[in-house]
Amino acid sequence: MNVNDRGNKKWSAMTLPEHVVELKKLRKEVSLQQKPTIDEQQFQEFNFRLALAQKDNLLVEVSYYQDGEIKSVKAI
């Protein structure tokens, strides 16, 4: 490797703002996850655990799907 070679740095000046926007959009689309499927038994288990947590005032972390991402929220 040449000591004066700057690698990707020399090409970054040639990137147009439109390319940057499209690259960010493409990265986001690639990182999107598919919506998970929950069967009836899992649904009943979630309800049971939430009812127990509500009865005993326990901290619960719930993960949910929204816009291609899995998000989490904690609550009592």
Protein backbone atom coordinates (compact mmCIF):
# COMPACT_ATOMS: atom_id res chain seq x y z
CA MET A 1 0.00 0.00 0.00
CA ASN A 2 1.31 3.41 -0.94
CA VAL A 3 1.89 5.69 2.04
CA ASN A 4 0.27 8.62 0.20
CA ASP A 5 -2.85 6.63 -0.70
CA ARG A 6 -5.77 7.98 1.34
CA GLY A 7 -8.14 5.10 0.53
CA ASN A 8 -11.81 6.05 0.68
CA LYS A 9 -11.08 9.61 1.79
CA LYS A 10 -10.07 10.66 -1.71
CA TRP A 11 -13.44 9.51 -3.12
CA SER A 12 -15.67 11.07 -0.46
CA ALA A 13 -15.38 14.54 -2.04
CA MET A 14 -17.04 13.16 -5.17
CA THR A 15 -20.16 12.02 -3.30
CA LEU A 16 -23.18 14.16 -4.09
CA PRO A 17 -25.70 15.04 -1.36
CA GLU A 18 -28.35 13.12 -3.31
CA HIS A 19 -26.17 10.03 -3.14
CA VAL A 20 -25.77 10.40 0.60
CA VAL A 21 -29.56 10.60 1.06
CA GLU A 22 -30.14 7.54 -1.12
CA LEU A 23 -27.40 5.56 0.64
CA LYS A 24 -28.95 6.32 4.05
CA LYS A 25 -32.36 5.27 2.76
CA LEU A 26 -30.91 2.05 1.34
CA ARG A 27 -29.15 1.22 4.64
CA LYS A 28 -32.42 1.73 6.50
CA GLU A 29 -34.35 -0.51 4.08
CA VAL A 30 -31.72 -3.25 4.39
CA SER A 31 -31.84 -3.14 8.19
CA LEU A 32 -35.65 -3.42 8.34
CA GLN A 33 -36.94 -6.56 9.99
CA GLN A 34 -39.94 -8.62 9.03
CA LYS A 35 -42.95 -8.53 11.31
CA PRO A 36 -42.82 -11.55 13.63
CA THR A 37 -45.85 -13.81 13.79
CA ILE A 38 -47.32 -14.75 17.15
CA ASP A 39 -49.49 -17.79 17.53
CA GLU A 40 -52.44 -18.09 19.93
CA GLN A 41 -50.42 -19.93 22.58
CA GLN A 42 -47.72 -17.21 22.68
CA PHE A 43 -50.42 -14.55 22.85
CA GLN A 44 -52.02 -16.26 25.86
CA GLU A 45 -48.60 -16.56 27.55
CA PHE A 46 -47.96 -12.83 27.07
CA ASN A 47 -51.35 -11.98 28.54
CA PHE A 48 -50.74 -14.26 31.51
CA ARG A 49 -47.34 -12.72 32.24
CA LEU A 50 -48.67 -9.18 31.90
CA ALA A 51 -51.55 -9.96 34.27
CA LEU A 52 -49.12 -11.35 36.86
CA ALA A 53 -46.83 -8.34 36.52
CA GLN A 54 -49.77 -5.97 36.92
CA LYS A 55 -51.01 -7.83 40.00
CA ASP A 56 -47.57 -7.78 41.66
CA ASN A 57 -46.51 -4.31 40.40
CA LEU A 58 -43.47 -5.69 38.59
CA LEU A 59 -41.31 -3.93 36.01
CA VAL A 60 -42.12 -5.21 32.52
CA GLU A 61 -40.18 -4.72 29.29
CA VAL A 62 -42.37 -5.08 26.21
CA SER A 63 -40.87 -5.35 22.74
CA TYR A 64 -43.09 -4.49 19.81
CA TYR A 65 -42.87 -4.15 16.04
CA GLN A 66 -43.31 -0.75 14.38
CA ASP A 67 -42.26 0.42 10.92
CA GLY A 68 -39.79 -2.41 10.31
CA GLU A 69 -38.09 -2.12 13.69
CA ILE A 70 -38.38 -3.91 16.99
CA LYS A 71 -38.82 -1.31 19.74
CA SER A 72 -38.91 -1.75 23.51
CA VAL A 73 -40.58 0.02 26.37
CA LYS A 74 -40.32 -0.57 30.12
CA ALA A 75 -43.18 0.09 32.51
CA ILE A 76 -44.62 -0.88 35.86
